[in-house]
Amino acid sequence: MPIAFSTNRHGSSDFEIYTMTSPGGSQTCHTDQAGHDVASAWSADGEKLVFATSRTQGSGSDFNLFTMAKNRTNQQPLVVRAAMDIFPDW
C-alpha cells in the first residue's frame, strides 16, 4: 500500500494529499481542490483513502471527512457538518 501524506510543496498555500510507492519513490497528487486536504488514512483493504478537508467550509476552520478511491476518483463527503472533523481512521 502506498504511503499517504499531506504537503503544500506544489506552490500553493493549500495542503494536498499525495502518495508515494516507497520512501523516495514516485509521488502522485490525489487532490487539487481549493482548501486544505490533510490527515489521510487507508482503508484496511487499501481500496479507499479517507481524509480531512476544509474545501466545504463556509467560514472559520471547519474540516470535514471525505473518501476517495485509490485511483483518485470518486471523492465524496463522508461527514459534512459545522465541526472540526479531523484525524480519521478506519
PDB file of N, CA and C in Angstrom:
ATOM      1  N   MET A   1       0.850  -1.166   0.000  1.00  0.00           N
ATOM      2  CA  MET A   1       0.000   0.000   0.000  1.00  0.00           C
ATOM      3  C   MET A   1       0.903   1.239   0.000  1.00  0.00           C
ATOM      4  N   PRO A   2       0.604   2.225  -0.855  1.00  0.00           N
ATOM      5  CA  PRO A   2       1.435   3.434  -0.895  1.00  0.00           C
ATOM      6  C   PRO A   2       1.364   4.230   0.410  1.00  0.00           C
ATOM      7  N   ILE A   3       2.368   5.019   0.649  1.00  0.00           N
ATOM      8  CA  ILE A   3       2.400   5.928   1.781  1.00  0.00           C
ATOM      9  C   ILE A   3       1.590   7.166   1.402  1.00  0.00           C
ATOM     10  N   ALA A   4       0.672   7.601   2.251  1.00  0.00           N
ATOM     11  CA  ALA A   4      -0.124   8.807   2.005  1.00  0.00           C
ATOM     12  C   ALA A   4       0.350   9.905   2.952  1.00  0.00           C
ATOM     13  N   PHE A   5       0.440  11.140   2.420  1.00  0.00           N
ATOM     14  CA  PHE A   5       0.878  12.265   3.234  1.00  0.00           C
ATOM     15  C   PHE A   5       0.312  13.553   2.658  1.00  0.00           C
ATOM     16  N   SER A   6       0.364  14.635   3.448  1.00  0.00           N
ATOM     17  CA  SER A   6      -0.105  15.957   3.023  1.00  0.00           C
ATOM     18  C   SER A   6       1.084  16.891   2.895  1.00  0.00           C
ATOM     19  N   THR A   7       1.035  17.753   1.887  1.00  0.00           N
ATOM     20  CA  THR A   7       2.097  18.734   1.681  1.00  0.00           C
ATOM     21  C   THR A   7       1.565  19.913   0.882  1.00  0.00           C
ATOM     22  N   ASN A   8       2.261  21.046   0.995  1.00  0.00           N
ATOM     23  CA  ASN A   8       1.941  22.187   0.154  1.00  0.00           C
ATOM     24  C   ASN A   8       3.110  22.498  -0.776  1.00  0.00           C
ATOM     25  N   ARG A   9       3.870  21.506  -1.125  1.00  0.00           N
ATOM     26  CA  ARG A   9       5.069  21.662  -1.946  1.00  0.00           C
ATOM     27  C   ARG A   9       4.800  22.075  -3.389  1.00  0.00           C
ATOM     28  N   HIS A  10       3.583  22.010  -3.824  1.00  0.00           N
ATOM     29  CA  HIS A  10       3.255  22.276  -5.228  1.00  0.00           C
ATOM     30  C   HIS A  10       3.128  23.764  -5.543  1.00  0.00           C
ATOM     31  N   GLY A  11       3.480  24.634  -4.598  1.00  0.00           N
ATOM     32  CA  GLY A  11       3.497  26.063  -4.861  1.00  0.00           C
ATOM     33  C   GLY A  11       2.269  26.816  -4.390  1.00  0.00           C
ATOM     34  N   SER A  12       1.328  26.146  -3.773  1.00  0.00           N
ATOM     35  CA  SER A  12       0.132  26.780  -3.245  1.00  0.00           C
ATOM     36  C   SER A  12       0.217  26.780  -1.724  1.00  0.00           C
ATOM     37  N   SER A  13      -0.564  27.635  -1.086  1.00  0.00           N
ATOM     38  CA  SER A  13      -0.600  27.587   0.378  1.00  0.00           C
ATOM     39  C   SER A  13      -1.497  26.458   0.866  1.00  0.00           C
ATOM     40  N   ASP A  14      -2.345  25.905  -0.024  1.00  0.00           N
ATOM     41  CA  ASP A  14      -3.218  24.781   0.340  1.00  0.00           C
ATOM     42  C   ASP A  14      -2.423  23.485   0.432  1.00  0.00           C
ATOM     43  N   PHE A  15      -2.772  22.663   1.401  1.00  0.00           N
ATOM     44  CA  PHE A  15      -2.178  21.334   1.516  1.00  0.00           C
ATOM     45  C   PHE A  15      -2.992  20.361   0.675  1.00  0.00           C
ATOM     46  N   GLU A  16      -2.326  19.429   0.013  1.00  0.00           N
ATOM     47  CA  GLU A  16      -2.961  18.405  -0.810  1.00  0.00           C
ATOM     48  C   GLU A  16      -2.497  17.027  -0.346  1.00  0.00           C
ATOM     49  N   ILE A  17      -3.273  15.990  -0.692  1.00  0.00           N
ATOM     50  CA  ILE A  17      -2.931  14.602  -0.367  1.00  0.00           C
ATOM     51  C   ILE A  17      -2.074  14.028  -1.495  1.00  0.00           C
ATOM     52  N   TYR A  18      -0.944  13.492  -1.141  1.00  0.00           N
ATOM     53  CA  TYR A  18      -0.039  12.816  -2.074  1.00  0.00           C
ATOM     54  C   TYR A  18       0.155  11.378  -1.607  1.00  0.00           C
ATOM     55  N   THR A  19       0.552  10.525  -2.516  1.00  0.00           N
ATOM     56  CA  THR A  19       1.017   9.184  -2.151  1.00  0.00           C
ATOM     57  C   THR A  19       2.369   8.951  -2.805  1.00  0.00           C
ATOM     58  N   MET A  20       3.123   8.038  -2.224  1.00  0.00           N
ATOM     59  CA  MET A  20       4.361   7.577  -2.860  1.00  0.00           C
ATOM     60  C   MET A  20       4.475   6.087  -2.662  1.00  0.00           C
ATOM     61  N   THR A  21       5.057   5.441  -3.648  1.00  0.00           N
ATOM     62  CA  THR A  21       5.109   3.983  -3.669  1.00  0.00           C
ATOM     63  C   THR A  21       6.043   3.408  -2.614  1.00  0.00           C
ATOM     64  N   SER A  22       7.109   4.126  -2.297  1.00  0.00           N
ATOM     65  CA  SER A  22       8.063   3.712  -1.267  1.00  0.00           C
ATOM     66  C   SER A  22       8.866   4.949  -0.896  1.00  0.00           C
ATOM     67  N   PRO A  23       9.581   4.931   0.210  1.00  0.00           N
ATOM     68  CA  PRO A  23      10.393   6.101   0.535  1.00  0.00           C
ATOM     69  C   PRO A  23      11.317   6.457  -0.632  1.00  0.00           C
ATOM     70  N   GLY A  24      11.193   7.678  -1.107  1.00  0.00           N
ATOM     71  CA  GLY A  24      11.999   8.112  -2.248  1.00  0.00           C
ATOM     72  C   GLY A  24      11.426   7.702  -3.594  1.00  0.00           C
ATOM     73  N   GLY A  25      10.281   6.990  -3.590  1.00  0.00           N
ATOM     74  CA  GLY A  25       9.669   6.522  -4.834  1.00  0.00           C
ATOM     75  C   GLY A  25       8.854   7.597  -5.529  1.00  0.00           C
ATOM     76  N   SER A  26       8.165   7.210  -6.597  1.00  0.00           N
ATOM     77  CA  SER A  26       7.358   8.166  -7.349  1.00  0.00           C
ATOM     78  C   SER A  26       6.203   8.689  -6.498  1.00  0.00           C
ATOM     79  N   GLN A  27       5.866   9.958  -6.705  1.00  0.00           N
ATOM     80  CA  GLN A  27       4.825  10.613  -5.918  1.00  0.00           C
ATOM     81  C   GLN A  27       3.695  11.063  -6.830  1.00  0.00           C
ATOM     82  N   THR A  28       2.458  10.950  -6.320  1.00  0.00           N
ATOM     83  CA  THR A  28       1.266  11.313  -7.076  1.00  0.00           C
ATOM     84  C   THR A  28       0.380  12.194  -6.216  1.00  0.00           C
ATOM     85  N   CYS A  29      -0.104  13.307  -6.786  1.00  0.00           N
ATOM     86  CA  CYS A  29      -1.046  14.175  -6.091  1.00  0.00           C
ATOM     87  C   CYS A  29      -2.453  13.615  -6.297  1.00  0.00           C
ATOM     88  N   HIS A  30      -3.213  13.486  -5.218  1.00  0.00           N
ATOM     89  CA  HIS A  30      -4.554  12.910  -5.279  1.00  0.00           C
ATOM     90  C   HIS A  30      -5.662  13.949  -5.171  1.00  0.00           C
ATOM     91  N   THR A  31      -5.361  15.148  -4.694  1.00  0.00           N
ATOM     92  CA  THR A  31      -6.378  16.185  -4.533  1.00  0.00           C
ATOM     93  C   THR A  31      -5.889  17.464  -5.184  1.00  0.00           C
ATOM     94  N   ASP A  32      -6.815  18.303  -5.628  1.00  0.00           N
ATOM     95  CA  ASP A  32      -6.429  19.589  -6.216  1.00  0.00           C
ATOM     96  C   ASP A  32      -7.528  20.633  -6.079  1.00  0.00           C
ATOM     97  N   GLN A  33      -8.329  20.499  -5.043  1.00  0.00           N
ATOM     98  CA  GLN A  33      -9.403  21.453  -4.777  1.00  0.00           C
ATOM     99  C   GLN A  33      -8.892  22.593  -3.899  1.00  0.00           C
ATOM    100  N   ALA A  34      -9.571  23.738  -3.938  1.00  0.00           N
ATOM    101  CA  ALA A  34      -9.235  24.830  -3.026  1.00  0.00           C
ATOM    102  C   ALA A  34      -9.521  24.374  -1.596  1.00  0.00           C
ATOM    103  N   GLY A  35      -8.653  24.721  -0.684  1.00  0.00           N
ATOM    104  CA  GLY A  35      -8.793  24.302   0.703  1.00  0.00           C
ATOM    105  C   GLY A  35      -7.726  23.284   1.056  1.00  0.00           C
ATOM    106  N   HIS A  36      -7.589  23.028   2.332  1.00  0.00           N
ATOM    107  CA  HIS A  36      -6.570  22.090   2.815  1.00  0.00           C
ATOM    108  C   HIS A  36      -7.123  20.670   2.851  1.00  0.00           C
ATOM    109  N   ASP A  37      -6.367  19.722   2.330  1.00  0.00           N
ATOM    110  CA  ASP A  37      -6.677  18.290   2.405  1.00  0.00           C
ATOM    111  C   ASP A  37      -5.556  17.651   3.214  1.00  0.00           C
ATOM    112  N   VAL A  38      -5.897  17.111   4.381  1.00  0.00           N
ATOM    113  CA  VAL A  38      -4.887  16.641   5.330  1.00  0.00           C
ATOM    114  C   VAL A  38      -5.346  15.355   6.025  1.00  0.00           C
ATOM    115  N   ALA A  39      -4.461  14.807   6.838  1.00  0.00           N
ATOM    116  CA  ALA A  39      -4.773  13.716   7.774  1.00  0.00           C
ATOM    117  C   ALA A  39      -5.463  12.531   7.099  1.00  0.00           C
ATOM    118  N   SER A  40      -4.795  11.910   6.168  1.00  0.00           N
ATOM    119  CA  SER A  40      -5.385  10.790   5.427  1.00  0.00           C
ATOM    120  C   SER A  40      -5.082   9.445   6.083  1.00  0.00           C
ATOM    121  N   ALA A  41      -5.943   8.461   5.785  1.00  0.00           N
ATOM    122  CA  ALA A  41      -5.752   7.091   6.290  1.00  0.00           C
ATOM    123  C   ALA A  41      -6.343   6.116   5.272  1.00  0.00           C
ATOM    124  N   TRP A  42      -5.631   5.034   5.020  1.00  0.00           N
ATOM    125  CA  TRP A  42      -6.093   3.989   4.095  1.00  0.00           C
ATOM    126  C   TRP A  42      -7.099   3.074   4.775  1.00  0.00           C
ATOM    127  N   SER A  43      -8.063   2.584   4.005  1.00  0.00           N
ATOM    128  CA  SER A  43      -8.957   1.530   4.494  1.00  0.00           C
ATOM    129  C   SER A  43      -8.137   0.247   4.644  1.00  0.00           C
ATOM    130  N   ALA A  44      -8.633  -0.696   5.410  1.00  0.00           N
ATOM    131  CA  ALA A  44      -7.904  -1.950   5.661  1.00  0.00           C
ATOM    132  C   ALA A  44      -7.601  -2.699   4.369  1.00  0.00           C
ATOM    133  N   ASP A  45      -8.508  -2.643   3.386  1.00  0.00           N
ATOM    134  CA  ASP A  45      -8.275  -3.349   2.121  1.00  0.00           C
ATOM    135  C   ASP A  45      -7.452  -2.534   1.123  1.00  0.00           C
ATOM    136  N   GLY A  46      -7.090  -1.287   1.485  1.00  0.00           N
ATOM    137  CA  GLY A  46      -6.269  -0.453   0.618  1.00  0.00           C
ATOM    138  C   GLY A  46      -6.997   0.102  -0.595  1.00  0.00           C
ATOM    139  N   GLU A  47      -8.315  -0.002  -0.614  1.00  0.00           N
ATOM    140  CA  GLU A  47      -9.091   0.461  -1.776  1.00  0.00           C
ATOM    141  C   GLU A  47      -9.549   1.906  -1.656  1.00  0.00           C
ATOM    142  N   LYS A  48      -9.620   2.440  -0.433  1.00  0.00           N
ATOM    143  CA  LYS A  48     -10.103   3.808  -0.229  1.00  0.00           C
ATOM    144  C   LYS A  48      -9.192   4.567   0.719  1.00  0.00           C
ATOM    145  N   LEU A  49      -9.221   5.876   0.528  1.00  0.00           N
ATOM    146  CA  LEU A  49      -8.482   6.778   1.394  1.00  0.00           C
ATOM    147  C   LEU A  49      -9.494   7.738   2.009  1.00  0.00           C
ATOM    148  N   VAL A  50      -9.454   7.907   3.311  1.00  0.00           N
ATOM    149  CA  VAL A  50     -10.290   8.901   3.988  1.00  0.00           C
ATOM    150  C   VAL A  50      -9.369  10.057   4.373  1.00  0.00           C
ATOM    151  N   PHE A  51      -9.879  11.278   4.288  1.00  0.00           N
ATOM    152  CA  PHE A  51      -9.059  12.439   4.617  1.00  0.00           C
ATOM    153  C   PHE A  51      -9.932  13.576   5.129  1.00  0.00           C
ATOM    154  N   ALA A  52      -9.311  14.493   5.839  1.00  0.00           N
ATOM    155  CA  ALA A  52      -9.996  15.682   6.333  1.00  0.00           C
ATOM    156  C   ALA A  52      -9.748  16.810   5.340  1.00  0.00           C
ATOM    157  N   THR A  53     -10.780  17.621   5.106  1.00  0.00           N
ATOM    158  CA  THR A  53     -10.642  18.709   4.147  1.00  0.00           C
ATOM    159  C   THR A  53     -11.390  19.947   4.612  1.00  0.00           C
ATOM    160  N   SER A  54     -10.854  21.094   4.256  1.00  0.00           N
ATOM    161  CA  SER A  54     -11.530  22.361   4.535  1.00  0.00           C
ATOM    162  C   SER A  54     -12.228  22.888   3.280  1.00  0.00           C
ATOM    163  N   ARG A  55     -12.291  22.104   2.210  1.00  0.00           N
ATOM    164  CA  ARG A  55     -12.848  22.580   0.939  1.00  0.00           C
ATOM    165  C   ARG A  55     -14.328  22.920   1.010  1.00  0.00           C
ATOM    166  N   THR A  56     -15.069  22.404   1.970  1.00  0.00           N
ATOM    167  CA  THR A  56     -16.505  22.666   2.056  1.00  0.00           C
ATOM    168  C   THR A  56     -16.853  23.689   3.127  1.00  0.00           C
ATOM    169  N   GLN A  57     -15.858  24.311   3.721  1.00  0.00           N
ATOM    170  CA  GLN A  57     -16.135  25.236   4.817  1.00  0.00           C
ATOM    171  C   GLN A  57     -16.811  26.502   4.312  1.00  0.00           C
ATOM    172  N   GLY A  58     -17.718  27.017   5.124  1.00  0.00           N
ATOM    173  CA  GLY A  58     -18.328  28.300   4.822  1.00  0.00           C
ATOM    174  C   GLY A  58     -17.429  29.417   5.336  1.00  0.00           C
ATOM    175  N   SER A  59     -17.019  29.300   6.567  1.00  0.00           N
ATOM    176  CA  SER A  59     -16.088  30.248   7.161  1.00  0.00           C
ATOM    177  C   SER A  59     -15.484  29.591   8.390  1.00  0.00           C
ATOM    178  N   GLY A  60     -14.425  30.155   8.881  1.00  0.00           N
ATOM    179  CA  GLY A  60     -13.780  29.572  10.050  1.00  0.00           C
ATOM    180  C   GLY A  60     -12.863  28.437   9.654  1.00  0.00           C
ATOM    181  N   SER A  61     -12.692  27.484  10.547  1.00  0.00           N
ATOM    182  CA  SER A  61     -11.735  26.410  10.298  1.00  0.00           C
ATOM    183  C   SER A  61     -12.408  25.042  10.332  1.00  0.00           C
ATOM    184  N   ASP A  62     -13.608  24.927   9.787  1.00  0.00           N
ATOM    185  CA  ASP A  62     -14.275  23.621   9.715  1.00  0.00           C
ATOM    186  C   ASP A  62     -13.490  22.669   8.829  1.00  0.00           C
ATOM    187  N   PHE A  63     -13.367  21.431   9.271  1.00  0.00           N
ATOM    188  CA  PHE A  63     -12.828  20.366   8.438  1.00  0.00           C
ATOM    189  C   PHE A  63     -13.876  19.267   8.388  1.00  0.00           C
ATOM    190  N   ASN A  64     -14.050  18.678   7.226  1.00  0.00           N
ATOM    191  CA  ASN A  64     -15.000  17.589   7.033  1.00  0.00           C
ATOM    192  C   ASN A  64     -14.268  16.377   6.491  1.00  0.00           C
ATOM    193  N   LEU A  65     -14.873  15.203   6.612  1.00  0.00           N
ATOM    194  CA  LEU A  65     -14.249  13.974   6.142  1.00  0.00           C
ATOM    195  C   LEU A  65     -14.767  13.605   4.758  1.00  0.00           C
ATOM    196  N   PHE A  66     -13.843  13.264   3.876  1.00  0.00           N
ATOM    197  CA  PHE A  66     -14.145  12.804   2.527  1.00  0.00           C
ATOM    198  C   PHE A  66     -13.466  11.454   2.322  1.00  0.00           C
ATOM    199  N   THR A  67     -13.970  10.688   1.384  1.00  0.00           N
ATOM    200  CA  THR A  67     -13.302   9.461   0.960  1.00  0.00           C
ATOM    201  C   THR A  67     -13.039   9.556  -0.540  1.00  0.00           C
ATOM    202  N   MET A  68     -12.095   8.749  -1.002  1.00  0.00           N
ATOM    203  CA  MET A  68     -11.834   8.624  -2.436  1.00  0.00           C
ATOM    204  C   MET A  68     -11.277   7.238  -2.712  1.00  0.00           C
ATOM    205  N   ALA A  69     -11.460   6.792  -3.943  1.00  0.00           N
ATOM    206  CA  ALA A  69     -10.896   5.517  -4.378  1.00  0.00           C
ATOM    207  C   ALA A  69      -9.380   5.660  -4.510  1.00  0.00           C
ATOM    208  N   LYS A  70      -8.673   4.567  -4.461  1.00  0.00           N
ATOM    209  CA  LYS A  70      -7.209   4.623  -4.524  1.00  0.00           C
ATOM    210  C   LYS A  70      -6.698   5.187  -5.843  1.00  0.00           C
ATOM    211  N   ASN A  71      -7.532   5.172  -6.880  1.00  0.00           N
ATOM    212  CA  ASN A  71      -7.112   5.725  -8.172  1.00  0.00           C
ATOM    213  C   ASN A  71      -7.474   7.208  -8.304  1.00  0.00           C
ATOM    214  N   ARG A  72      -7.776   7.881  -7.193  1.00  0.00           N
ATOM    215  CA  ARG A  72      -8.049   9.316  -7.090  1.00  0.00           C
ATOM    216  C   ARG A  72      -9.439   9.709  -7.566  1.00  0.00           C
ATOM    217  N   THR A  73     -10.295   8.766  -7.862  1.00  0.00           N
ATOM    218  CA  THR A  73     -11.631   9.083  -8.338  1.00  0.00           C
ATOM    219  C   THR A  73     -12.642   8.984  -7.206  1.00  0.00           C
ATOM    220  N   ASN A  74     -13.850   9.429  -7.506  1.00  0.00           N
ATOM    221  CA  ASN A  74     -14.987   9.263  -6.612  1.00  0.00           C
ATOM    222  C   ASN A  74     -14.774   9.930  -5.250  1.00  0.00           C
ATOM    223  N   GLN A  75     -14.292  11.179  -5.250  1.00  0.00           N
ATOM    224  CA  GLN A  75     -14.144  11.909  -3.993  1.00  0.00           C
ATOM    225  C   GLN A  75     -15.519  12.337  -3.517  1.00  0.00           C
ATOM    226  N   GLN A  76     -15.889  11.861  -2.334  1.00  0.00           N
ATOM    227  CA  GLN A  76     -17.225  12.092  -1.799  1.00  0.00           C
ATOM    228  C   GLN A  76     -17.170  12.471  -0.339  1.00  0.00           C
ATOM    229  N   PRO A  77     -18.109  13.329   0.095  1.00  0.00           N
ATOM    230  CA  PRO A  77     -18.172  13.642   1.524  1.00  0.00           C
ATOM    231  C   PRO A  77     -18.625  12.434   2.331  1.00  0.00           C
ATOM    232  N   LEU A  78     -17.989  12.221   3.438  1.00  0.00           N
ATOM    233  CA  LEU A  78     -18.381  11.175   4.382  1.00  0.00           C
ATOM    234  C   LEU A  78     -19.098  11.825   5.562  1.00  0.00           C
ATOM    235  N   VAL A  79     -18.521  12.900   6.074  1.00  0.00           N
ATOM    236  CA  VAL A  79     -19.118  13.672   7.164  1.00  0.00           C
ATOM    237  C   VAL A  79     -18.956  15.146   6.809  1.00  0.00           C
ATOM    238  N   VAL A  80     -20.075  15.868   6.698  1.00  0.00           N
ATOM    239  CA  VAL A  80     -20.042  17.313   6.472  1.00  0.00           C
ATOM    240  C   VAL A  80     -20.965  17.952   7.497  1.00  0.00           C
ATOM    241  N   ARG A  81     -20.377  18.689   8.410  1.00  0.00           N
ATOM    242  CA  ARG A  81     -21.152  19.381   9.434  1.00  0.00           C
ATOM    243  C   ARG A  81     -20.304  20.515   9.983  1.00  0.00           C
ATOM    244  N   ALA A  82     -20.902  21.407  10.702  1.00  0.00           N
ATOM    245  CA  ALA A  82     -20.195  22.532  11.287  1.00  0.00           C
ATOM    246  C   ALA A  82     -19.428  22.058  12.518  1.00  0.00           C
ATOM    247  N   ALA A  83     -18.281  21.496  12.283  1.00  0.00           N
ATOM    248  CA  ALA A  83     -17.438  20.991  13.372  1.00  0.00           C
ATOM    249  C   ALA A  83     -16.041  20.743  12.821  1.00  0.00           C
ATOM    250  N   MET A  84     -15.120  20.451  13.691  1.00  0.00           N
ATOM    251  CA  MET A  84     -13.746  20.168  13.308  1.00  0.00           C
ATOM    252  C   MET A  84     -13.556  18.656  13.265  1.00  0.00           C
ATOM    253  N   ASP A  85     -13.917  18.030  12.132  1.00  0.00           N
ATOM    254  CA  ASP A  85     -13.734  16.587  11.950  1.00  0.00           C
ATOM    255  C   ASP A  85     -12.388  16.377  11.277  1.00  0.00           C
ATOM    256  N   ILE A  86     -11.449  15.819  12.013  1.00  0.00           N
ATOM    257  CA  ILE A  86     -10.083  15.685  11.519  1.00  0.00           C
ATOM    258  C   ILE A  86      -9.452  14.441  12.140  1.00  0.00           C
ATOM    259  N   PHE A  87      -8.361  13.968  11.583  1.00  0.00           N
ATOM    260  CA  PHE A  87      -7.622  12.781  12.022  1.00  0.00           C
ATOM    261  C   PHE A  87      -8.472  11.517  11.941  1.00  0.00           C
ATOM    262  N   PRO A  88      -8.984  11.195  10.750  1.00  0.00           N
ATOM    263  CA  PRO A  88      -9.813   9.984  10.600  1.00  0.00           C
ATOM    264  C   PRO A  88      -8.975   8.720  10.671  1.00  0.00           C
ATOM    265  N   ASP A  89      -9.639   7.639  10.988  1.00  0.00           N
ATOM    266  CA  ASP A  89      -9.031   6.309  10.996  1.00  0.00           C
ATOM    267  C   ASP A  89     -10.141   5.317  10.720  1.00  0.00           C
ATOM    268  N   TRP A  90      -9.808   4.215  10.125  1.00  0.00           N
ATOM    269  CA  TRP A  90     -10.832   3.204   9.792  1.00  0.00           C
ATOM    270  C   TRP A  90     -11.074   2.363  10.992  1.00  0.00           C
TER     271      TRP A  90
END
